[in-house]
C-alpha atoms as a PDB file:
ATOM      1  CA  MET A   1      39.504  -5.185  48.236  1.00  0.00           C
ATOM      2  CA  GLU A   2      37.013  -4.219  50.921  1.00  0.00           C
ATOM      3  CA  GLY A   3      34.174  -6.697  51.388  1.00  0.00           C
ATOM      4  CA  TYR A   4      35.989  -9.559  49.637  1.00  0.00           C
ATOM      5  CA  VAL A   5      38.308 -12.346  50.792  1.00  0.00           C
ATOM      6  CA  TYR A   6      41.102 -13.721  48.629  1.00  0.00           C
ATOM      7  CA  ILE A   7      40.683 -17.460  48.049  1.00  0.00           C
ATOM      8  CA  GLY A   8      43.121 -18.325  45.257  1.00  0.00           C
ATOM      9  CA  ILE A   9      44.293 -17.776  41.708  1.00  0.00           C
ATOM     10  CA  ILE A  10      43.475 -18.952  38.196  1.00  0.00           C
ATOM     11  CA  THR A  11      46.653 -20.691  37.120  1.00  0.00           C
ATOM     12  CA  LYS A  12      46.020 -21.551  33.456  1.00  0.00           C
ATOM     13  CA  PRO A  13      43.503 -22.638  30.814  1.00  0.00           C
ATOM     14  CA  HIS A  14      42.674 -26.329  30.953  1.00  0.00           C
ATOM     15  CA  SER A  15      40.963 -26.973  27.633  1.00  0.00           C
ATOM     16  CA  TYR A  16      39.995 -25.392  24.342  1.00  0.00           C
ATOM     17  CA  LYS A  17      36.380 -25.314  25.632  1.00  0.00           C
ATOM     18  CA  GLY A  18      37.103 -22.601  28.210  1.00  0.00           C
ATOM     19  CA  LYS A  19      37.847 -24.639  31.310  1.00  0.00           C
ATOM     20  CA  ILE A  20      40.472 -23.273  33.666  1.00  0.00           C
ATOM     21  CA  GLN A  21      42.713 -24.613  36.402  1.00  0.00           C
ATOM     22  CA  VAL A  22      42.273 -22.906  39.766  1.00  0.00           C
ATOM     23  CA  PHE A  23      44.556 -23.022  42.807  1.00  0.00           C
ATOM     24  CA  VAL A  24      42.609 -22.431  46.054  1.00  0.00           C
ATOM     25  CA  GLU A  25      44.648 -21.448  49.131  1.00  0.00           C
ATOM     26  CA  ASN A  26      42.570 -23.511  51.545  1.00  0.00           C
ATOM     27  CA  GLU A  27      41.680 -26.982  50.301  1.00  0.00           C
ATOM     28  CA  LYS A  28      38.544 -26.941  52.461  1.00  0.00           C
ATOM     29  CA  ILE A  29      37.032 -24.360  50.103  1.00  0.00           C
ATOM     30  CA  LYS A  30      34.966 -26.088  47.465  1.00  0.00           C
ATOM     31  CA  LEU A  31      34.000 -24.159  44.337  1.00  0.00           C
ATOM     32  CA  THR A  32      30.396 -24.963  43.444  1.00  0.00           C
ATOM     33  CA  PRO A  33      27.766 -23.606  41.033  1.00  0.00           C
ATOM     34  CA  GLN A  34      25.767 -22.277  44.006  1.00  0.00           C
ATOM     35  CA  VAL A  35      28.446 -19.753  45.000  1.00  0.00           C
ATOM     36  CA  PRO A  36      29.728 -17.043  42.624  1.00  0.00           C
ATOM     37  CA  VAL A  37      33.413 -16.148  42.662  1.00  0.00           C
ATOM     38  CA  PHE A  38      34.901 -12.774  41.868  1.00  0.00           C
ATOM     39  CA  VAL A  39      37.850 -12.319  39.541  1.00  0.00           C
ATOM     40  CA  GLU A  40      39.999  -9.214  39.948  1.00  0.00           C
ATOM     41  CA  PHE A  41      40.374  -6.998  36.878  1.00  0.00           C
ATOM     42  CA  GLN A  42      42.332  -3.763  37.489  1.00  0.00           C
ATOM     43  CA  LYS A  43      41.493  -3.875  41.228  1.00  0.00           C
ATOM     44  CA  VAL A  44      37.761  -4.336  40.461  1.00  0.00           C
ATOM     45  CA  PRO A  45      35.954  -7.574  41.442  1.00  0.00           C
ATOM     46  CA  VAL A  46      33.942  -9.041  38.558  1.00  0.00           C
ATOM     47  CA  PRO A  47      31.449 -11.841  39.346  1.00  0.00           C
ATOM     48  CA  PHE A  48      31.759 -15.176  37.564  1.00  0.00           C
ATOM     49  CA  PHE A  49      29.299 -18.023  37.851  1.00  0.00           C
ATOM     50  CA  ILE A  50      30.481 -21.605  37.910  1.00  0.00           C
ATOM     51  CA  GLU A  51      28.846 -24.122  35.570  1.00  0.00           C
ATOM     52  CA  GLU A  52      30.898 -27.050  36.832  1.00  0.00           C
ATOM     53  CA  SER A  53      33.864 -27.720  39.064  1.00  0.00           C
ATOM     54  CA  THR A  54      35.946 -30.848  39.508  1.00  0.00           C
ATOM     55  CA  ALA A  55      38.588 -31.315  42.190  1.00  0.00           C
ATOM     56  CA  LYS A  56      41.887 -32.388  40.634  1.00  0.00           C
ATOM     57  CA  THR A  57      44.021 -32.522  43.802  1.00  0.00           C
ATOM     58  CA  GLY A  58      43.683 -31.015  47.291  1.00  0.00           C
ATOM     59  CA  ASN A  59      44.080 -27.375  46.271  1.00  0.00           C
ATOM     60  CA  ILE A  60      43.564 -27.559  42.509  1.00  0.00           C
ATOM     61  CA  SER A  61      40.237 -27.702  40.706  1.00  0.00           C
ATOM     62  CA  ILE A  62      39.170 -27.592  37.073  1.00  0.00           C
ATOM     63  CA  VAL A  63      36.415 -25.007  36.679  1.00  0.00           C
ATOM     64  CA  LYS A  64      34.075 -24.049  33.840  1.00  0.00           C
ATOM     65  CA  PHE A  65      32.605 -20.527  34.127  1.00  0.00           C
ATOM     66  CA  LYS A  66      29.399 -19.526  32.368  1.00  0.00           C
ATOM     67  CA  ASP A  67      30.106 -17.528  29.180  1.00  0.00           C
ATOM     68  CA  ILE A  68      33.770 -18.607  29.003  1.00  0.00           C
ATOM     69  CA  ASP A  69      33.583 -21.000  26.071  1.00  0.00           C
ATOM     70  CA  ASN A  70      36.963 -20.978  24.364  1.00  0.00           C
ATOM     71  CA  GLU A  71      40.671 -21.107  25.061  1.00  0.00           C
ATOM     72  CA  ALA A  72      41.248 -17.411  24.253  1.00  0.00           C
ATOM     73  CA  ASP A  73      38.698 -16.283  26.875  1.00  0.00           C
ATOM     74  CA  ALA A  74      40.192 -18.717  29.382  1.00  0.00           C
ATOM     75  CA  GLN A  75      43.683 -17.391  28.612  1.00  0.00           C
ATOM     76  CA  ASN A  76      42.505 -13.852  29.546  1.00  0.00           C
ATOM     77  CA  LEU A  77      41.781 -15.167  33.052  1.00  0.00           C
ATOM     78  CA  ARG A  78      45.265 -16.615  33.584  1.00  0.00           C
ATOM     79  CA  ASN A  79      47.016 -15.484  36.810  1.00  0.00           C
ATOM     80  CA  ARG A  80      44.001 -13.512  38.018  1.00  0.00           C
ATOM     81  CA  LYS A  81      43.112 -13.523  41.717  1.00  0.00           C
ATOM     82  CA  LEU A  82      39.876 -15.126  42.937  1.00  0.00           C
ATOM     83  CA  TYR A  83      37.702 -13.831  45.773  1.00  0.00           C
ATOM     84  CA  PHE A  84      34.535 -14.689  47.673  1.00  0.00           C
ATOM     85  CA  LEU A  85      32.233 -12.076  49.112  1.00  0.00           C
ATOM     86  CA  LYS A  86      33.183 -11.752  52.768  1.00  0.00           C
ATOM     87  CA  GLU A  87      29.711 -12.904  53.862  1.00  0.00           C
ATOM     88  CA  THR A  88      29.975 -16.011  51.673  1.00  0.00           C
ATOM     89  CA  TYR A  89      33.430 -16.764  53.017  1.00  0.00           C
ATOM     90  CA  ASP A  90      32.421 -16.251  56.658  1.00  0.00           C
ATOM     91  CA  GLY A  91      29.348 -18.443  56.184  1.00  0.00           C
ATOM     92  CA  PHE A  92      31.390 -21.165  54.540  1.00  0.00           C
ATOM     93  CA  PHE A  93      33.733 -21.509  57.484  1.00  0.00           C
ATOM     94  CA  GLN A  94      30.999 -21.205  60.111  1.00  0.00           C
ATOM     95  CA  GLU A  95      29.204 -24.095  58.436  1.00  0.00           C
ATOM     96  CA  ASN A  96      32.410 -26.123  58.211  1.00  0.00           C
ATOM     97  CA  ASP A  97      33.626 -25.185  61.695  1.00  0.00           C
ATOM     98  CA  SER A  98      37.118 -24.295  60.563  1.00  0.00           C
ATOM     99  CA  PHE A  99      39.401 -21.266  60.605  1.00  0.00           C
ATOM    100  CA  ASP A 100      41.200 -19.875  57.613  1.00  0.00           C
ATOM    101  CA  ILE A 101      43.965 -17.339  58.097  1.00  0.00           C
ATOM    102  CA  ASN A 102      42.909 -15.323  55.027  1.00  0.00           C
ATOM    103  CA  ILE A 103      39.961 -13.962  57.009  1.00  0.00           C
ATOM    104  CA  ILE A 104      42.288 -11.603  58.918  1.00  0.00           C
ATOM    105  CA  ARG A 105      43.289  -9.557  55.864  1.00  0.00           C
ATOM    106  CA  ASP A 106      42.353  -5.914  56.526  1.00  0.00           C
ATOM    107  CA  PHE A 107      42.264  -6.460  60.308  1.00  0.00           C
ATOM    108  CA  ASP A 108      44.082  -4.077  62.670  1.00  0.00           C
ATOM    109  CA  VAL A 109      46.982  -5.542  64.659  1.00  0.00           C
ATOM    110  CA  ILE A 110      47.346  -4.448  68.264  1.00  0.00           C
ATOM    111  CA  ASP A 111      50.421  -5.345  70.314  1.00  0.00           C
ATOM    112  CA  THR A 112      50.313  -5.564  74.116  1.00  0.00           C
ATOM    113  CA  LYS A 113      53.320  -3.239  74.437  1.00  0.00           C
ATOM    114  CA  TYR A 114      53.103  -0.922  71.403  1.00  0.00           C
ATOM    115  CA  GLY A 115      49.344  -0.703  70.847  1.00  0.00           C
ATOM    116  CA  LEU A 116      48.106  -0.300  67.273  1.00  0.00           C
ATOM    117  CA  ILE A 117      50.772  -1.509  64.852  1.00  0.00           C
ATOM    118  CA  GLY A 118      48.925  -1.311  61.544  1.00  0.00           C
ATOM    119  CA  LEU A 119      46.670  -3.077  59.063  1.00  0.00           C
ATOM    120  CA  ILE A 120      47.179  -6.628  57.743  1.00  0.00           C
ATOM    121  CA  ARG A 121      47.434  -6.382  53.958  1.00  0.00           C
ATOM    122  CA  ASP A 122      48.444  -9.941  53.137  1.00  0.00           C
ATOM    123  CA  ILE A 123      49.298 -13.339  54.541  1.00  0.00           C
ATOM    124  CA  LEU A 124      52.650 -14.541  53.228  1.00  0.00           C
ATOM    125  CA  LYS A 125      53.091 -18.280  52.937  1.00  0.00           C
ATOM    126  CA  TYR A 126      56.438 -19.707  54.013  1.00  0.00           C
ATOM    127  CA  PRO A 127      57.412 -23.322  54.668  1.00  0.00           C
ATOM    128  CA  GLY A 128      56.500 -24.110  58.243  1.00  0.00           C
ATOM    129  CA  HIS A 129      54.524 -20.948  59.010  1.00  0.00           C
ATOM    130  CA  ASP A 130      52.505 -18.011  57.715  1.00  0.00           C
ATOM    131  CA  VAL A 131      53.536 -14.385  58.172  1.00  0.00           C
ATOM    132  CA  MET A 132      51.244 -11.381  58.587  1.00  0.00           C
ATOM    133  CA  GLN A 133      52.288  -8.553  56.263  1.00  0.00           C
ATOM    134  CA  ILE A 134      51.281  -5.359  58.064  1.00  0.00           C
ATOM    135  CA  PHE A 135      51.556  -1.751  56.987  1.00  0.00           C
ATOM    136  CA  ASP A 136      51.587   1.032  59.555  1.00  0.00           C
ATOM    137  CA  ASP A 137      50.157   4.538  59.054  1.00  0.00           C
ATOM    138  CA  ARG A 138      53.452   5.635  57.435  1.00  0.00           C
ATOM    139  CA  LYS A 139      53.213   2.766  54.891  1.00  0.00           C
ATOM    140  CA  ASN A 140      56.127   0.895  56.498  1.00  0.00           C
ATOM    141  CA  GLU A 141      56.011  -2.877  56.076  1.00  0.00           C
ATOM    142  CA  ILE A 142      56.087  -4.934  59.276  1.00  0.00           C
ATOM    143  CA  LEU A 143      56.268  -8.741  59.253  1.00  0.00           C
ATOM    144  CA  ILE A 144      55.009 -10.799  62.191  1.00  0.00           C
ATOM    145  CA  PRO A 145      54.823 -14.602  62.171  1.00  0.00           C
ATOM    146  CA  PHE A 146      51.300 -15.955  62.581  1.00  0.00           C
ATOM    147  CA  ASN A 147      52.086 -18.143  65.546  1.00  0.00           C
ATOM    148  CA  GLU A 148      49.825 -19.238  68.378  1.00  0.00           C
ATOM    149  CA  SER A 149      52.393 -18.098  70.917  1.00  0.00           C
ATOM    150  CA  TYR A 150      52.242 -14.515  69.518  1.00  0.00           C
ATOM    151  CA  VAL A 151      48.557 -14.232  68.559  1.00  0.00           C
ATOM    152  CA  LEU A 152      46.453 -13.742  71.675  1.00  0.00           C
ATOM    153  CA  GLU A 153      43.026 -13.078  70.163  1.00  0.00           C
ATOM    154  CA  ILE A 154      41.284 -12.662  66.825  1.00  0.00           C
ATOM    155  CA  ASN A 155      38.079 -10.634  67.033  1.00  0.00           C
ATOM    156  CA  LYS A 156      36.069 -10.912  63.809  1.00  0.00           C
ATOM    157  CA  LYS A 157      33.451  -8.375  64.934  1.00  0.00           C
ATOM    158  CA  THR A 158      35.927  -5.570  65.655  1.00  0.00           C
ATOM    159  CA  LYS A 159      38.365  -6.754  62.946  1.00  0.00           C
ATOM    160  CA  LYS A 160      41.305  -6.776  65.355  1.00  0.00           C
ATOM    161  CA  VAL A 161      44.150  -9.213  65.965  1.00  0.00           C
ATOM    162  CA  HIS A 162      45.760  -8.866  69.386  1.00  0.00           C
ATOM    163  CA  VAL A 163      49.382  -9.985  69.580  1.00  0.00           C
ATOM    164  CA  ASN A 164      52.179 -10.228  72.116  1.00  0.00           C
ATOM    165  CA  THR A 165      55.326 -10.112  70.013  1.00  0.00           C
ATOM    166  CA  PRO A 166      58.638 -11.390  71.382  1.00  0.00           C
ATOM    167  CA  PRO A 167      61.067  -8.819  72.784  1.00  0.00           C
ATOM    168  CA  GLY A 168      63.011  -7.021  70.067  1.00  0.00           C
ATOM    169  CA  LEU A 169      60.875  -8.061  67.093  1.00  0.00           C
ATOM    170  CA  LEU A 170      59.115  -4.734  66.678  1.00  0.00           C
ATOM    171  CA  ASP A 171      62.189  -2.771  67.769  1.00  0.00           C
ATOM    172  CA  ILE A 172      63.792  -3.512  64.388  1.00  0.00           C
ATOM    173  CA  TYR A 173      60.922  -1.562  62.789  1.00  0.00           C
ATOM    174  CA  LYS A 174      61.446   1.383  65.164  1.00  0.00           C
ATOM    175  CA  ILE A 175      57.813   1.462  66.299  1.00  0.00           C
ATOM    176  CA  ASN A 176      57.209   4.080  68.969  1.00  0.00           C
END
């Protein structure tokens, strides 16, 4: 979703009073009443305002949204994706002087040998490392590990990630 950054998912209702359990990808993100979140409904971001939020563990919080006052309404939010506005997200990490990999969704990937590879659509989480899920102009999926030895530069202004992939990695995708 253009202009938004994925931050996590609503996992389940937490109480009959409308509270929900939220899993946030980056435990440095704190959900507060000052910052609205957006819940995805049929690929459309809908704003929700937080009344209260309590951290349960590192990545899990219990959240009460305004106007969600019962278990049935909370149940309708189950397994829905959560987003911040991109500006909110960028500001959050500038203030906290940290980098979150989710910021590179929708960035172009440029390889030193092959040039433009495609657009990052998702960051896949695997034990030990993250993987950039990229789709080229023919809608072919290309997977590249997010590894400091491969990633040369991330330019937020131009929305480009420059990489130097190891020999043979892109050959399996038959990139010309």
